[in-house]
């Protein structure tokens, strides 16, 4: 990995301010940050290793129907985020999800009466991000593996194919904290804060079934189950349709214990647990597993974002505030605002 940071000089840093800003990560935080900067008049380049803007709001396509195998849903409490969600809803990229979500605990299933308003992207979870980034330059299928700062303090990004991108006045990362720590130079001042953040993995299994699931619930939240913590009947979610299919999420403890297991054995374990829950055989016509190595933020930073004007580096993500999609949006928005303010002051 190549990463270097030279000692900043004010004049050199000022000269870089007319350049484009690099944003690494096209999940909720990255797109929110990019929108703020774009609307303030700054040029941005967004990089993501996935096939499109999604982050953990990802979906798996299949001829039998789409599965949202990442984030389950999101809520909107902050007034600014509520306004944003309403705009997405008006464009058809988000729908309210009023499905029945019951609770499993100690072998019993009870109704969930929390009256929380939940939202999902339509027709897939990432739809709102694809809408929000439709006029932004997003480079997909590129994993940024190294950063380098030259003598003029401009940043260069290197991808996994040895491609070189830049120069950039700022590099803003909207990726999980452990990945940000690996990407930044060891001596960078953010390393101490990043070391305090803890994220947990999650195994997700998608099952396309040969028959409807005979349940009264549309999704099930499991408490203290030895394997699972979430089951969702994907074909019952708004804007989905298609053949019967479910997404199973393993709980953090099981996922951590089996984080390096092969997808086939994970699929067998989760499928067996699902059959026990519904008390019926599970006969998938297709199946797939995905490991989210950094799925949930457990110990968060406790502040909206990180920004260091001296080095020209900023970081955002749900791990800054809370393990929610709304927190990722708030974090990315905060980073976009502070970056634009510092950039404007220094240019």
Protein backbone atom coordinates (compact mmCIF):
# COMPACT_ATOMS: atom_id res chain seq x y z
CA UNK A 1 0.00 0.00 0.00
CA UNK A 2 1.33 3.40 -0.98
CA UNK A 3 0.45 6.36 1.17
CA UNK A 4 2.51 9.42 2.00
CA UNK A 5 1.73 12.71 3.66
CA UNK A 6 4.13 15.60 3.50
CA UNK A 7 4.15 18.43 5.99
CA UNK A 8 1.55 21.00 4.87
CA UNK A 9 2.41 24.55 3.98
CA UNK A 10 -0.42 27.07 3.87
CA UNK A 11 0.42 28.41 0.43
CA UNK A 12 0.62 25.01 -1.18
CA UNK A 13 -2.67 23.94 0.38
CA UNK A 14 -4.38 27.10 -0.91
CA UNK A 15 -3.22 26.34 -4.43
CA UNK A 16 -4.89 22.93 -4.34
CA UNK A 17 -8.32 24.37 -3.56
CA UNK A 18 -9.27 24.85 -7.20
CA UNK A 19 -8.99 21.10 -7.78
CA UNK A 20 -11.65 18.41 -7.60
CA UNK A 21 -12.60 16.73 -4.32
CA UNK A 22 -12.35 12.93 -4.09
CA UNK A 23 -15.02 11.03 -2.18
CA UNK A 24 -14.34 7.36 -1.46
CA UNK A 25 -17.54 5.43 -0.89
CA UNK A 26 -20.94 5.79 -2.58
CA UNK A 27 -23.15 4.69 0.28
CA UNK A 28 -25.52 7.01 2.12
CA UNK A 29 -22.77 9.05 3.80
CA UNK A 30 -20.72 9.46 0.63
CA UNK A 31 -23.65 10.50 -1.56
CA UNK A 32 -24.96 12.89 1.10
CA UNK A 33 -21.52 14.50 1.35
CA UNK A 34 -21.21 14.72 -2.43
CA UNK A 35 -24.60 16.36 -2.79
CA UNK A 36 -23.70 19.14 -0.35
CA UNK A 37 -20.43 19.86 -2.14
CA UNK A 38 -21.95 19.60 -5.62
CA UNK A 39 -24.77 21.99 -4.72
CA UNK A 40 -22.19 24.40 -3.24
CA UNK A 41 -20.45 24.47 -6.62
CA UNK A 42 -17.51 22.15 -5.98
CA UNK A 43 -16.44 19.45 -8.41
CA UNK A 44 -16.39 15.96 -6.94
CA UNK A 45 -15.28 12.51 -8.06
CA UNK A 46 -16.88 9.58 -6.23
CA UNK A 47 -15.34 6.12 -6.14
CA UNK A 48 -16.93 2.86 -5.04
CA UNK A 49 -15.92 -0.78 -5.38
CA UNK A 50 -19.54 -1.92 -5.92
CA UNK A 51 -21.51 -1.96 -9.16
CA UNK A 52 -23.47 1.12 -8.22
CA UNK A 53 -24.23 3.54 -5.38
CA UNK A 54 -25.46 1.46 -2.46
CA UNK A 55 -23.03 0.77 0.36
CA UNK A 56 -24.85 -1.38 2.86
CA UNK A 57 -28.16 -0.44 1.21
CA UNK A 58 -27.37 -3.11 -1.35
CA UNK A 59 -29.59 -5.54 -3.22
CA UNK A 60 -28.96 -8.81 -5.03
CA UNK A 61 -30.60 -9.15 -8.42
CA UNK A 62 -32.06 -12.45 -9.57
CA UNK A 63 -34.50 -13.43 -12.28
CA UNK A 64 -36.89 -14.59 -9.54
CA UNK A 65 -36.79 -11.23 -7.73
CA UNK A 66 -34.56 -8.73 -5.94
CA UNK A 67 -33.37 -9.29 -2.38
CA UNK A 68 -32.32 -6.40 -0.12
CA UNK A 69 -29.56 -8.26 1.71
CA UNK A 70 -28.07 -5.23 3.46
CA UNK A 71 -29.96 -2.60 5.46
CA UNK A 72 -33.44 -3.74 6.45
CA UNK A 73 -35.20 -0.35 6.42
CA UNK A 74 -34.61 3.13 7.76
CA UNK A 75 -36.38 5.67 9.93
CA UNK A 76 -36.42 9.46 9.76
CA UNK A 77 -36.31 11.48 12.99
CA UNK A 78 -34.18 14.49 12.10
CA UNK A 79 -36.23 17.25 10.37
CA UNK A 80 -33.66 17.63 7.60
CA UNK A 81 -33.61 13.93 6.88
CA UNK A 82 -37.40 13.74 7.00
CA UNK A 83 -37.49 16.44 4.33
CA UNK A 84 -34.98 14.51 2.24
CA UNK A 85 -36.96 11.27 2.57
CA UNK A 86 -40.12 13.07 1.48
CA UNK A 87 -38.34 14.33 -1.65
CA UNK A 88 -37.26 10.79 -2.46
CA UNK A 89 -40.78 9.55 -1.85
CA UNK A 90 -42.20 12.10 -4.26
CA UNK A 91 -39.81 10.82 -6.93
CA UNK A 92 -40.86 7.22 -6.31
CA UNK A 93 -37.48 6.20 -4.89
CA UNK A 94 -38.76 5.56 -1.35
CA UNK A 95 -41.95 4.07 0.08
CA UNK A 96 -43.27 3.76 3.59
CA UNK A 97 -43.11 0.15 4.75
CA UNK A 98 -46.14 -0.83 6.81
CA UNK A 99 -45.48 -4.54 6.83
CA UNK A 100 -46.13 -6.64 9.91
CA UNK A 101 -42.89 -7.10 11.85
CA UNK A 102 -43.30 -9.55 14.71
CA UNK A 103 -40.83 -10.48 17.44
CA UNK A 104 -39.46 -13.94 18.22
CA UNK A 105 -38.18 -14.55 21.74
CA UNK A 106 -37.63 -17.81 23.60
CA UNK A 107 -39.58 -19.80 21.03
CA UNK A 108 -42.66 -17.54 21.02
CA UNK A 109 -43.73 -15.00 18.41
CA UNK A 110 -45.57 -11.84 19.47
CA UNK A 111 -46.84 -8.80 17.61
CA UNK A 112 -44.63 -5.73 17.46
CA UNK A 113 -46.60 -2.62 18.38
CA UNK A 114 -43.86 0.00 18.33
CA UNK A 115 -45.69 2.21 15.76
CA UNK A 116 -42.38 3.28 14.19
CA UNK A 117 -42.64 4.66 10.66
CA UNK A 118 -40.25 2.71 8.48
CA UNK A 119 -39.07 3.43 4.94
CA UNK A 120 -37.44 1.39 2.21
CA UNK A 121 -36.08 2.23 -1.22
CA UNK A 122 -38.28 1.23 -4.16
CA UNK A 123 -38.05 -0.88 -6.20
CA UNK A 124 -34.86 -1.78 -4.30
CA UNK A 125 -33.15 -0.43 -1.23
CA UNK A 126 -30.49 1.55 -3.12
CA UNK A 127 -33.04 3.39 -5.29
CA UNK A 128 -32.82 6.59 -3.26
CA UNK A 129 -29.03 6.67 -3.61
CA UNK A 130 -29.20 6.06 -7.33
CA UNK A 131 -31.68 8.90 -7.61
CA UNK A 132 -29.55 11.22 -5.44
CA UNK A 133 -26.41 10.47 -7.46
CA UNK A 134 -27.95 10.57 -10.93
CA UNK A 135 -26.18 13.85 -11.79
CA UNK A 136 -22.95 13.07 -9.94
CA UNK A 137 -19.75 11.50 -11.36
CA UNK A 138 -19.63 8.09 -9.67
CA UNK A 139 -16.86 5.69 -10.69
CA UNK A 140 -18.03 2.19 -9.78
CA UNK A 141 -16.12 -1.07 -9.75
CA UNK A 142 -13.02 0.71 -8.46
CA UNK A 143 -11.58 -0.02 -5.04
CA UNK A 144 -9.22 2.69 -3.81
CA UNK A 145 -6.27 0.94 -2.21
CA UNK A 146 -3.80 3.76 -1.57
CA UNK A 147 -3.48 7.51 -1.16
CA UNK A 148 -0.51 9.72 -1.92
CA UNK A 149 0.05 13.41 -1.29
CA UNK A 150 2.56 15.18 -3.53
CA UNK A 151 4.90 18.09 -2.85
CA UNK A 152 2.11 20.58 -3.62
CA UNK A 153 -0.14 18.78 -1.10
CA UNK A 154 -2.47 17.55 -3.79
CA UNK A 155 -3.90 14.08 -3.20
CA UNK A 156 -3.75 11.15 -5.62
CA UNK A 157 -5.86 8.00 -5.35
CA UNK A 158 -4.70 4.59 -6.59
CA UNK A 159 -7.17 1.81 -7.36
CA UNK A 160 -6.87 -1.97 -7.28
CA UNK A 161 -6.05 -2.03 -10.99
CA UNK A 162 -3.07 0.33 -10.48
CA UNK A 163 -5.05 3.24 -11.89
CA UNK A 164 -4.05 6.71 -10.69
CA UNK A 165 -6.69 9.39 -10.11
CA UNK A 166 -6.21 13.05 -9.26
CA UNK A 167 -5.03 15.55 -8.34
CA UNK A 168 -7.54 16.30 -5.58
CA UNK A 169 -7.68 19.15 -3.12
CA UNK A 170 -9.39 17.01 -0.48
CA UNK A 171 -9.92 13.31 0.08
CA UNK A 172 -13.12 12.48 1.95
CA UNK A 173 -13.72 8.90 3.02
CA UNK A 174 -17.22 7.54 3.55
CA UNK A 175 -16.23 3.96 4.31
CA UNK A 176 -16.20 1.77 7.44
CA UNK A 177 -13.78 2.96 10.12
CA UNK A 178 -11.42 -0.06 9.87
CA UNK A 179 -11.08 0.47 6.12
CA UNK A 180 -10.40 4.17 6.64
CA UNK A 181 -7.69 3.33 9.18
CA UNK A 182 -6.04 0.99 6.69
CA UNK A 183 -6.17 3.54 3.89
CA UNK A 184 -4.79 6.52 5.82
CA UNK A 185 -1.10 6.92 6.68
CA UNK A 186 -0.19 5.38 10.03
CA UNK A 187 0.83 8.75 11.45
CA UNK A 188 -2.40 10.51 10.45
CA UNK A 189 -4.11 12.25 13.43
CA UNK A 190 -7.37 10.34 12.82
CA UNK A 191 -5.83 6.97 13.62
CA UNK A 192 -6.40 7.32 17.36
CA UNK A 193 -10.12 8.06 16.97
CA UNK A 194 -10.56 5.30 14.40
CA UNK A 195 -9.02 2.76 16.77
CA UNK A 196 -11.84 3.45 19.26
CA UNK A 197 -14.58 2.57 16.77
CA UNK A 198 -15.82 -1.01 16.79
CA UNK A 199 -17.91 -2.57 14.04
CA UNK A 200 -19.49 -6.03 13.92
CA UNK A 201 -19.97 -8.37 10.96
CA UNK A 202 -23.18 -9.89 9.63
CA UNK A 203 -23.77 -12.90 7.43
CA UNK A 204 -26.78 -12.53 5.12
CA UNK A 205 -28.39 -15.43 3.26
CA UNK A 206 -30.90 -15.03 0.43
CA UNK A 207 -33.30 -17.85 -0.40
CA UNK A 208 -35.55 -17.93 -3.47
CA UNK A 209 -38.24 -20.47 -2.56
CA UNK A 210 -40.45 -22.92 -4.43
CA UNK A 211 -43.56 -21.93 -2.43
CA UNK A 212 -45.00 -19.10 -0.37
CA UNK A 213 -43.88 -18.78 3.25
CA UNK A 214 -46.84 -19.67 5.46
CA UNK A 215 -46.44 -16.91 8.02
CA UNK A 216 -48.72 -14.13 9.24
CA UNK A 217 -45.75 -11.79 9.55
CA UNK A 218 -43.84 -10.04 6.77
CA UNK A 219 -40.63 -9.81 8.78
CA UNK A 220 -39.43 -11.22 12.07
CA UNK A 221 -37.01 -9.69 14.55
CA UNK A 222 -35.38 -12.36 16.70
CA UNK A 223 -34.17 -11.77 20.25
CA UNK A 224 -31.60 -14.09 21.82
CA UNK A 225 -31.79 -16.62 19.00
CA UNK A 226 -28.57 -18.65 18.72
CA UNK A 227 -28.18 -17.91 15.01
CA UNK A 228 -30.61 -15.38 13.52
CA UNK A 229 -31.70 -11.86 14.32
CA UNK A 230 -33.79 -10.98 11.22
CA UNK A 231 -36.01 -12.66 8.63
CA UNK A 232 -37.68 -10.71 5.84
CA UNK A 233 -40.19 -11.92 3.23
CA UNK A 234 -38.79 -9.84 0.41
CA UNK A 235 -41.61 -10.37 -2.07
CA UNK A 236 -44.04 -8.72 0.36
CA UNK A 237 -42.13 -5.45 0.56
CA UNK A 238 -43.51 -2.43 -1.38
CA UNK A 239 -42.63 -2.37 -5.06
CA UNK A 240 -41.11 -5.86 -5.06
CA UNK A 241 -43.40 -8.66 -6.18
CA UNK A 242 -41.88 -11.66 -7.88
CA UNK A 243 -41.46 -15.17 -6.53
CA UNK A 244 -41.39 -16.02 -2.78
CA UNK A 245 -38.02 -15.26 -1.25
CA UNK A 246 -36.52 -14.43 2.13
CA UNK A 247 -33.45 -12.70 3.50
CA UNK A 248 -31.92 -14.10 6.69
CA UNK A 249 -29.46 -12.14 8.85
CA UNK A 250 -27.31 -13.89 11.40
CA UNK A 251 -26.85 -12.14 14.72
CA UNK A 252 -23.58 -10.32 15.48
CA UNK A 253 -22.24 -13.00 17.83
CA UNK A 254 -22.81 -15.87 15.41
CA UNK A 255 -21.49 -13.81 12.51
CA UNK A 256 -18.32 -12.97 14.40
CA UNK A 257 -17.74 -16.58 15.41
CA UNK A 258 -18.20 -17.74 11.81
CA UNK A 259 -16.84 -14.68 10.01
CA UNK A 260 -14.28 -16.71 8.04
CA UNK A 261 -16.56 -19.64 7.26
CA UNK A 262 -17.31 -20.48 3.64
CA UNK A 263 -20.63 -19.22 2.20
CA UNK A 264 -21.94 -22.74 1.64
CA UNK A 265 -21.73 -23.79 5.29
CA UNK A 266 -23.19 -20.46 6.41
CA UNK A 267 -26.12 -20.92 4.03
CA UNK A 268 -26.82 -24.39 5.44
CA UNK A 269 -26.76 -23.11 9.04
CA UNK A 270 -29.05 -20.15 8.44
CA UNK A 271 -31.41 -22.14 6.24
CA UNK A 272 -31.74 -24.78 8.97
CA UNK A 273 -32.46 -22.13 11.59
CA UNK A 274 -35.11 -20.60 9.31
CA UNK A 275 -36.83 -23.97 8.87
CA UNK A 276 -36.99 -24.39 12.62
CA UNK A 277 -38.57 -20.97 13.03
CA UNK A 278 -41.32 -21.55 10.44
CA UNK A 279 -41.63 -25.23 11.42
CA UNK A 280 -41.56 -26.33 7.82
CA UNK A 281 -39.03 -27.59 5.30
CA UNK A 282 -37.15 -24.99 3.31
CA UNK A 283 -36.69 -25.84 -0.37
CA UNK A 284 -34.90 -23.01 -2.16
CA UNK A 285 -34.66 -23.03 -5.93
CA UNK A 286 -31.75 -20.61 -5.63
CA UNK A 287 -29.66 -19.33 -2.75
CA UNK A 288 -26.79 -16.97 -2.07
CA UNK A 289 -24.78 -15.72 0.92
CA UNK A 290 -23.01 -12.45 1.53
CA UNK A 291 -20.64 -11.50 4.34
CA UNK A 292 -20.84 -7.94 5.59
CA UNK A 293 -17.54 -7.70 7.42
CA UNK A 294 -18.40 -4.24 8.78
CA UNK A 295 -22.18 -4.37 9.04
CA UNK A 296 -23.02 -2.70 12.32
CA UNK A 297 -21.46 0.13 14.28
CA UNK A 298 -21.13 -1.04 17.88
CA UNK A 299 -18.90 1.59 19.50
CA UNK A 300 -19.37 4.88 17.65
CA UNK A 301 -17.18 7.97 17.49
CA UNK A 302 -19.71 10.28 19.15
CA UNK A 303 -19.32 13.19 16.74
CA UNK A 304 -20.80 13.87 13.28
CA UNK A 305 -17.60 13.49 11.25
CA UNK A 306 -13.85 13.99 11.17
CA UNK A 307 -12.13 16.73 9.17
CA UNK A 308 -8.50 17.82 9.20
CA UNK A 309 -7.92 20.96 7.09
CA UNK A 310 -4.15 20.67 7.53
CA UNK A 311 -3.95 17.39 5.63
CA UNK A 312 -7.08 17.86 3.55
CA UNK A 313 -8.72 14.65 4.78
CA UNK A 314 -12.22 14.03 6.11
CA UNK A 315 -14.22 10.97 7.18
CA UNK A 316 -17.92 10.23 7.58
CA UNK A 317 -20.19 7.27 8.17
CA UNK A 318 -22.83 5.90 10.48
CA UNK A 319 -19.97 4.82 12.76
CA UNK A 320 -19.51 8.48 13.64
CA UNK A 321 -22.94 8.82 15.26
CA UNK A 322 -25.17 5.75 15.42
CA UNK A 323 -25.86 2.47 13.64
CA UNK A 324 -28.64 3.84 11.44
CA UNK A 325 -29.00 4.95 7.82
CA UNK A 326 -30.18 8.33 9.03
CA UNK A 327 -26.94 8.71 11.00
CA UNK A 328 -24.95 8.03 7.82
CA UNK A 329 -26.87 10.80 6.03
CA UNK A 330 -26.34 13.22 8.92
CA UNK A 331 -22.63 12.39 9.04
CA UNK A 332 -22.11 12.78 5.31
CA UNK A 333 -24.06 16.02 5.25
CA UNK A 334 -21.99 17.37 8.15
CA UNK A 335 -18.73 16.48 6.40
CA UNK A 336 -19.88 18.12 3.18
CA UNK A 337 -20.74 21.31 5.03
CA UNK A 338 -17.51 21.55 7.01
CA UNK A 339 -15.40 20.65 3.97
CA UNK A 340 -17.10 23.32 1.85
CA UNK A 341 -16.65 25.92 4.60
CA UNK A 342 -12.94 25.19 5.00
CA UNK A 343 -12.41 24.95 1.27
CA UNK A 344 -14.11 28.28 0.70
CA UNK A 345 -12.09 29.92 3.45
CA UNK A 346 -8.79 28.64 2.10
CA UNK A 347 -9.37 29.26 -1.60
